[in-house]
N, C-alpha and C. Protein backbone atom coordinates (compact mmCIF):
# COMPACT_ATOMS: atom_id res chain seq x y z
N MET A 1 0.85 -1.19 0.00
CA MET A 1 0.00 0.00 0.00
C MET A 1 0.88 1.23 0.00
N SER A 2 0.32 2.28 -0.45
CA SER A 2 1.07 3.51 -0.60
C SER A 2 0.85 4.47 0.56
N LYS A 3 1.79 5.32 0.73
CA LYS A 3 1.65 6.39 1.72
C LYS A 3 0.68 7.44 1.21
N LYS A 4 0.62 7.61 -0.11
CA LYS A 4 -0.18 8.69 -0.69
C LYS A 4 -1.41 8.22 -1.43
N THR A 5 -1.58 6.94 -1.56
CA THR A 5 -2.77 6.41 -2.21
C THR A 5 -3.16 5.11 -1.51
N SER A 6 -4.44 4.85 -1.46
CA SER A 6 -4.88 3.61 -0.81
C SER A 6 -5.01 2.48 -1.81
N LYS A 7 -4.71 2.76 -3.06
CA LYS A 7 -4.83 1.74 -4.10
C LYS A 7 -3.58 0.88 -4.16
N ASN A 8 -3.76 -0.37 -4.52
CA ASN A 8 -2.62 -1.24 -4.78
C ASN A 8 -2.06 -0.89 -6.15
N VAL A 9 -0.79 -0.60 -6.21
CA VAL A 9 -0.15 -0.22 -7.46
C VAL A 9 0.67 -1.40 -7.96
N THR A 10 0.46 -1.74 -9.24
CA THR A 10 1.20 -2.82 -9.89
C THR A 10 1.86 -2.27 -11.13
N ILE A 11 3.12 -2.62 -11.33
CA ILE A 11 3.83 -2.23 -12.55
C ILE A 11 4.42 -3.50 -13.18
N TYR A 12 4.02 -3.76 -14.40
CA TYR A 12 4.59 -4.84 -15.20
C TYR A 12 5.80 -4.25 -15.90
N SER A 13 6.94 -4.93 -15.81
CA SER A 13 8.17 -4.34 -16.34
C SER A 13 9.12 -5.40 -16.86
N LYS A 14 10.23 -4.91 -17.41
CA LYS A 14 11.39 -5.73 -17.76
C LYS A 14 12.59 -5.03 -17.16
N ASP A 15 13.55 -5.81 -16.70
CA ASP A 15 14.69 -5.28 -15.96
C ASP A 15 15.48 -4.23 -16.74
N TYR A 16 15.68 -4.42 -18.03
CA TYR A 16 16.54 -3.53 -18.82
C TYR A 16 15.81 -2.31 -19.38
N CYS A 17 14.53 -2.21 -19.18
CA CYS A 17 13.70 -1.18 -19.81
C CYS A 17 13.90 0.19 -19.15
N PRO A 18 14.39 1.19 -19.89
CA PRO A 18 14.61 2.51 -19.29
C PRO A 18 13.30 3.20 -18.90
N TYR A 19 12.23 2.96 -19.63
CA TYR A 19 10.93 3.57 -19.28
C TYR A 19 10.36 2.95 -18.01
N CYS A 20 10.61 1.67 -17.81
CA CYS A 20 10.20 1.01 -16.57
C CYS A 20 10.94 1.62 -15.39
N LYS A 21 12.24 1.80 -15.55
CA LYS A 21 13.05 2.39 -14.48
C LYS A 21 12.58 3.80 -14.17
N ALA A 22 12.27 4.58 -15.21
CA ALA A 22 11.81 5.95 -15.01
C ALA A 22 10.45 5.98 -14.31
N ALA A 23 9.56 5.08 -14.69
CA ALA A 23 8.23 5.02 -14.05
C ALA A 23 8.36 4.65 -12.57
N LYS A 24 9.25 3.71 -12.26
CA LYS A 24 9.46 3.33 -10.87
C LYS A 24 10.05 4.49 -10.06
N ARG A 25 10.93 5.28 -10.69
CA ARG A 25 11.48 6.46 -10.01
C ARG A 25 10.38 7.46 -9.69
N ILE A 26 9.46 7.67 -10.61
CA ILE A 26 8.34 8.59 -10.39
C ILE A 26 7.51 8.12 -9.20
N LEU A 27 7.18 6.85 -9.18
CA LEU A 27 6.37 6.32 -8.08
C LEU A 27 7.10 6.44 -6.74
N ARG A 28 8.38 6.09 -6.73
CA ARG A 28 9.16 6.20 -5.48
C ARG A 28 9.25 7.65 -5.01
N ALA A 29 9.45 8.57 -5.95
CA ALA A 29 9.57 9.99 -5.60
C ALA A 29 8.28 10.51 -4.97
N ARG A 30 7.16 9.90 -5.32
CA ARG A 30 5.88 10.29 -4.75
C ARG A 30 5.54 9.48 -3.50
N GLY A 31 6.46 8.63 -3.08
CA GLY A 31 6.24 7.83 -1.88
C GLY A 31 5.23 6.72 -2.08
N ILE A 32 5.10 6.26 -3.31
CA ILE A 32 4.11 5.24 -3.63
C ILE A 32 4.78 3.87 -3.70
N ASP A 33 4.31 2.97 -2.87
CA ASP A 33 4.77 1.59 -2.91
C ASP A 33 4.09 0.88 -4.07
N TYR A 34 4.78 -0.06 -4.66
CA TYR A 34 4.22 -0.78 -5.80
C TYR A 34 4.70 -2.22 -5.79
N LYS A 35 3.92 -3.05 -6.46
CA LYS A 35 4.30 -4.44 -6.70
C LYS A 35 4.83 -4.49 -8.13
N GLU A 36 6.05 -4.97 -8.28
CA GLU A 36 6.65 -5.07 -9.60
C GLU A 36 6.57 -6.51 -10.08
N ILE A 37 6.15 -6.67 -11.33
CA ILE A 37 6.11 -7.98 -11.96
C ILE A 37 6.99 -7.93 -13.19
N ASP A 38 8.08 -8.67 -13.17
CA ASP A 38 8.99 -8.74 -14.31
C ASP A 38 8.47 -9.80 -15.27
N VAL A 39 7.98 -9.37 -16.41
CA VAL A 39 7.34 -10.28 -17.35
C VAL A 39 8.33 -11.20 -18.06
N GLU A 40 9.63 -10.91 -17.95
CA GLU A 40 10.61 -11.84 -18.50
C GLU A 40 10.90 -12.98 -17.54
N LEU A 41 10.86 -12.69 -16.25
CA LEU A 41 11.09 -13.73 -15.25
C LEU A 41 9.85 -14.59 -15.06
N GLU A 42 8.68 -14.01 -15.34
CA GLU A 42 7.41 -14.72 -15.19
C GLU A 42 6.61 -14.59 -16.50
N PRO A 43 6.94 -15.40 -17.51
CA PRO A 43 6.30 -15.26 -18.82
C PRO A 43 4.76 -15.32 -18.78
N SER A 44 4.19 -16.07 -17.87
CA SER A 44 2.73 -16.12 -17.79
C SER A 44 2.14 -14.77 -17.42
N LYS A 45 2.94 -13.95 -16.75
CA LYS A 45 2.47 -12.61 -16.37
C LYS A 45 2.39 -11.68 -17.57
N MET A 46 3.15 -11.99 -18.63
CA MET A 46 3.05 -11.21 -19.88
C MET A 46 1.65 -11.40 -20.46
N ILE A 47 1.17 -12.63 -20.43
CA ILE A 47 -0.18 -12.93 -20.93
C ILE A 47 -1.21 -12.19 -20.07
N GLU A 48 -1.02 -12.22 -18.76
CA GLU A 48 -1.91 -11.49 -17.85
C GLU A 48 -1.88 -9.99 -18.14
N MET A 49 -0.68 -9.42 -18.34
CA MET A 49 -0.55 -8.00 -18.61
C MET A 49 -1.29 -7.60 -19.88
N VAL A 50 -1.11 -8.38 -20.94
CA VAL A 50 -1.78 -8.08 -22.21
C VAL A 50 -3.29 -8.19 -22.05
N ALA A 51 -3.75 -9.18 -21.33
CA ALA A 51 -5.19 -9.34 -21.10
C ALA A 51 -5.76 -8.15 -20.33
N ARG A 52 -5.02 -7.66 -19.34
CA ARG A 52 -5.50 -6.54 -18.53
C ARG A 52 -5.40 -5.20 -19.25
N SER A 53 -4.30 -4.99 -19.98
CA SER A 53 -4.03 -3.66 -20.55
C SER A 53 -4.36 -3.54 -22.03
N LYS A 54 -4.46 -4.65 -22.72
CA LYS A 54 -4.61 -4.68 -24.18
C LYS A 54 -3.38 -4.08 -24.87
N ARG A 55 -2.25 -4.09 -24.17
CA ARG A 55 -0.99 -3.58 -24.72
C ARG A 55 0.10 -4.62 -24.50
N ARG A 56 1.13 -4.58 -25.39
CA ARG A 56 2.21 -5.56 -25.32
C ARG A 56 3.53 -4.94 -24.87
N THR A 57 3.54 -3.64 -24.62
CA THR A 57 4.77 -2.97 -24.23
C THR A 57 4.82 -2.75 -22.72
N VAL A 58 6.04 -2.62 -22.21
CA VAL A 58 6.23 -2.32 -20.79
C VAL A 58 6.82 -0.92 -20.67
N PRO A 59 6.58 -0.26 -19.57
CA PRO A 59 5.81 -0.71 -18.43
C PRO A 59 4.31 -0.59 -18.67
N GLN A 60 3.55 -1.35 -17.92
CA GLN A 60 2.10 -1.17 -17.82
C GLN A 60 1.80 -1.01 -16.34
N ILE A 61 1.13 0.08 -16.01
CA ILE A 61 0.93 0.47 -14.62
C ILE A 61 -0.55 0.47 -14.29
N PHE A 62 -0.87 -0.12 -13.14
CA PHE A 62 -2.25 -0.17 -12.66
C PHE A 62 -2.32 0.39 -11.25
N PHE A 63 -3.31 1.24 -11.01
CA PHE A 63 -3.64 1.68 -9.65
C PHE A 63 -4.91 0.92 -9.31
N GLY A 64 -4.77 -0.14 -8.53
CA GLY A 64 -5.89 -1.03 -8.29
C GLY A 64 -6.26 -1.68 -9.61
N ASP A 65 -7.53 -1.56 -10.00
CA ASP A 65 -7.98 -2.08 -11.29
C ASP A 65 -7.92 -1.03 -12.39
N GLU A 66 -7.56 0.19 -12.05
CA GLU A 66 -7.50 1.28 -13.04
C GLU A 66 -6.19 1.20 -13.82
N HIS A 67 -6.30 1.04 -15.13
CA HIS A 67 -5.12 0.98 -15.99
C HIS A 67 -4.65 2.40 -16.26
N ILE A 68 -3.47 2.74 -15.79
CA ILE A 68 -2.89 4.06 -16.03
C ILE A 68 -2.22 4.09 -17.39
N GLY A 69 -1.52 3.01 -17.73
CA GLY A 69 -0.82 2.93 -19.01
C GLY A 69 0.67 2.77 -18.79
N GLY A 70 1.45 3.33 -19.71
CA GLY A 70 2.89 3.24 -19.64
C GLY A 70 3.50 4.46 -18.96
N HIS A 71 4.80 4.65 -19.17
CA HIS A 71 5.52 5.76 -18.56
C HIS A 71 4.92 7.10 -18.92
N ASP A 72 4.75 7.35 -20.22
CA ASP A 72 4.21 8.64 -20.66
C ASP A 72 2.81 8.89 -20.10
N ASP A 73 2.02 7.84 -20.01
CA ASP A 73 0.67 7.96 -19.44
C ASP A 73 0.75 8.31 -17.95
N LEU A 74 1.72 7.74 -17.25
CA LEU A 74 1.91 8.04 -15.83
C LEU A 74 2.29 9.50 -15.65
N VAL A 75 3.18 10.00 -16.49
CA VAL A 75 3.57 11.42 -16.43
C VAL A 75 2.34 12.30 -16.66
N ARG A 76 1.54 11.97 -17.67
CA ARG A 76 0.31 12.74 -17.94
C ARG A 76 -0.67 12.66 -16.77
N TYR A 77 -0.80 11.48 -16.20
CA TYR A 77 -1.70 11.27 -15.07
C TYR A 77 -1.40 12.26 -13.95
N TYR A 78 -0.13 12.36 -13.61
CA TYR A 78 0.26 13.27 -12.51
C TYR A 78 0.25 14.72 -12.94
N SER A 79 0.57 15.01 -14.17
CA SER A 79 0.56 16.42 -14.60
C SER A 79 -0.86 16.97 -14.66
N GLN A 80 -1.84 16.12 -14.99
CA GLN A 80 -3.24 16.56 -15.02
C GLN A 80 -3.76 16.82 -13.61
N ARG A 81 -3.26 16.12 -12.64
CA ARG A 81 -3.69 16.31 -11.25
C ARG A 81 -3.03 17.51 -10.61
N ALA A 82 -1.89 17.93 -11.17
CA ALA A 82 -1.18 19.08 -10.62
C ALA A 82 -1.76 20.39 -11.14
N ALA A 83 -2.45 20.31 -12.28
CA ALA A 83 -2.99 21.53 -12.92
C ALA A 83 -4.22 22.04 -12.21
């Protein structure tokens, strides 16, 4: 659980992905705890990610059941709330 949100945050990622790393930095900077699922270490989770997000790229970020999207979507999500 997060300090700043009561939603469970999940990020589907790959270890070498720079956008995944950047998205995790954004979440950490906001004090948000997250569950990370590396889709290369757990191939069945790639199928789960695609089923949930309808996307094949990482990262894919969820706040509870709400699909936020990838890194750029996460940046937009927070910039819209700051305005």
